[in-house]
Protein backbone atom coordinates (compact mmCIF):
# COMPACT_ATOMS: atom_id res chain seq x y z
CA MET A 1 -14.01 3.77 0.71
CA TYR A 2 -10.64 3.57 2.44
CA ASP A 3 -12.20 1.97 5.50
CA GLN A 4 -13.70 -0.82 3.41
CA TRP A 5 -10.38 -1.27 1.60
CA ALA A 6 -8.59 -1.63 4.94
CA VAL A 7 -11.15 -4.16 6.17
CA ALA A 8 -10.81 -6.20 2.96
CA ILE A 9 -6.99 -6.22 3.25
CA SER A 10 -7.24 -7.22 6.92
CA ILE A 11 -9.64 -10.10 6.27
CA ALA A 12 -7.60 -11.35 3.30
CA ALA A 13 -4.44 -11.30 5.43
CA GLN A 14 -6.19 -13.17 8.25
CA TYR A 15 -7.15 -15.90 5.78
CA GLY A 16 -3.57 -16.28 4.62
CA ALA A 17 -3.36 -14.12 1.51
CA PRO A 18 0.32 -13.24 0.92
CA LEU A 19 0.77 -9.62 1.95
CA ASN A 20 3.36 -8.94 -0.75
CA GLU A 21 1.03 -10.06 -3.54
CA LEU A 22 -2.05 -8.46 -2.02
CA LEU A 23 -0.50 -5.03 -1.53
CA GLY A 24 1.56 -5.31 -4.71
CA LYS A 25 -1.69 -4.99 -6.67
CA PHE A 26 -2.12 -1.45 -5.31
CA ILE A 27 1.39 -0.15 -5.99
CA ASN A 28 1.26 2.48 -8.77
CA THR A 29 -2.54 2.76 -8.60
CA GLN A 30 -3.08 6.22 -10.04
CA PHE A 31 -5.81 8.76 -9.27
CA GLU A 32 -6.00 12.17 -7.61
CA PRO A 33 -4.68 13.31 -5.21
CA SER A 34 -1.17 12.34 -6.27
CA GLY A 35 2.32 13.81 -6.16
CA ALA A 36 4.93 14.69 -3.59
CA VAL A 37 4.30 13.77 0.03
CA LYS A 38 5.95 14.79 3.23
CA SER A 39 8.53 12.05 3.71
CA VAL A 40 6.81 8.99 5.11
CA ASP A 41 9.65 6.61 5.98
CA GLY A 42 11.52 7.48 2.79
CA ILE A 43 8.50 7.54 0.46
CA MET A 44 8.74 10.87 -1.34
CA ARG A 45 6.10 10.55 -4.10
CA CYS A 46 2.94 8.56 -4.62
CA LYS A 47 0.39 8.20 -7.38
CA SER A 48 -2.63 7.96 -5.03
CA PRO A 49 -3.45 7.51 -1.36
CA LEU A 50 -3.78 3.74 -1.94
CA ASP A 51 -0.33 3.72 -3.53
CA LEU A 52 1.11 5.49 -0.47
CA VAL A 53 -0.55 3.13 2.03
CA ALA A 54 0.45 0.02 0.06
CA ARG A 55 4.07 1.19 -0.19
CA TYR A 56 4.16 2.01 3.52
CA LEU A 57 2.70 -1.36 4.57
CA LEU A 58 5.04 -3.28 2.26
CA GLN A 59 7.97 -1.32 3.64
CA LYS A 60 6.98 -2.13 7.22
CA HIS A 61 5.64 -5.69 6.83
CA GLY A 62 6.62 -7.00 3.39
CA THR A 63 9.72 -8.77 2.19
CA PRO A 64 12.57 -6.66 0.75
CA GLU A 65 12.23 -7.81 -2.87
CA ASN A 66 8.79 -6.17 -3.19
CA VAL A 67 9.59 -2.81 -1.65
């Protein structure tokens, strides 16, 4: 499932979808596993693996107002 999600995000970005809006849809997505994570560039908690990945990508490649 995560592989297909990554492919969809990649294709959308290649076609010009704004990364901040695209990944912003996945912030606070909640399902198990969730909780504390080993610090990933300052991210201490997440609500799901998709939440963690979206936060990380926005932190690395997004604009500051969405992080």
